[in-house]
């Protein structure tokens, strides 16, 4: 049903172009986030003392 409605509304070629564009954009966003996450040298996780937790 996900592919049938756009194909009926706009046709085969625009649907394929739209899905390809969406896939490329999502892939670029994910690739950028993961590459930046792995480039960071070190991360710092701040902890609080057990006496401060309520």
Protein backbone atom coordinates (compact mmCIF):
# COMPACT_ATOMS: atom_id res chain seq x y z
CA UNK A 1 0.00 0.00 0.00
CA UNK A 2 2.96 2.30 0.62
CA UNK A 3 4.06 2.19 -3.01
CA UNK A 4 0.67 1.82 -4.64
CA UNK A 5 -0.76 5.17 -3.54
CA UNK A 6 2.14 7.35 -4.81
CA UNK A 7 2.30 5.39 -8.06
CA UNK A 8 -1.41 5.98 -8.65
CA UNK A 9 -1.18 9.69 -7.73
CA UNK A 10 2.00 10.78 -9.53
CA UNK A 11 3.18 7.85 -11.66
CA UNK A 12 6.08 5.39 -11.75
CA UNK A 13 9.01 7.65 -12.55
CA UNK A 14 8.29 10.43 -10.01
CA UNK A 15 7.70 7.80 -7.33
CA UNK A 16 11.05 6.14 -8.03
CA UNK A 17 12.80 9.52 -8.13
CA UNK A 18 11.22 10.50 -4.81
CA UNK A 19 12.08 7.22 -3.09
CA UNK A 20 15.63 7.35 -4.42
CA UNK A 21 16.05 10.95 -3.26
CA UNK A 22 14.65 10.14 0.19
CA UNK A 23 16.94 7.11 0.50
CA UNK A 24 20.01 9.09 -0.51
CA UNK A 25 19.23 11.93 1.91
CA UNK A 26 18.57 9.55 4.81
CA UNK A 27 21.76 7.65 4.02
CA UNK A 28 23.83 10.84 3.93
CA UNK A 29 22.40 12.00 7.25
CA UNK A 30 23.06 8.65 8.93
CA UNK A 31 26.55 8.42 7.44
CA UNK A 32 27.41 11.93 8.66
CA UNK A 33 26.17 11.27 12.18
CA UNK A 34 28.00 7.96 12.52
CA UNK A 35 31.23 9.28 11.04
CA UNK A 36 31.21 12.26 13.38
CA UNK A 37 30.46 9.98 16.33
CA UNK A 38 33.45 7.77 15.54
CA UNK A 39 35.87 10.65 14.94
CA UNK A 40 35.54 11.98 18.49
CA UNK A 41 38.69 11.11 20.42
CA UNK A 42 37.08 10.62 23.80
CA UNK A 43 33.80 11.12 25.50
CA UNK A 44 33.18 12.22 29.04
CA UNK A 45 30.27 10.89 31.02
CA UNK A 46 29.66 12.92 34.11
CA UNK A 47 28.49 10.93 37.09
CA UNK A 48 26.86 12.08 40.25
CA UNK A 49 27.58 10.75 43.70
CA UNK A 50 25.27 8.16 45.20
CA UNK A 51 24.46 10.55 48.05
CA UNK A 52 22.97 13.13 45.65
CA UNK A 53 20.42 10.78 44.07
CA UNK A 54 17.01 11.12 45.65
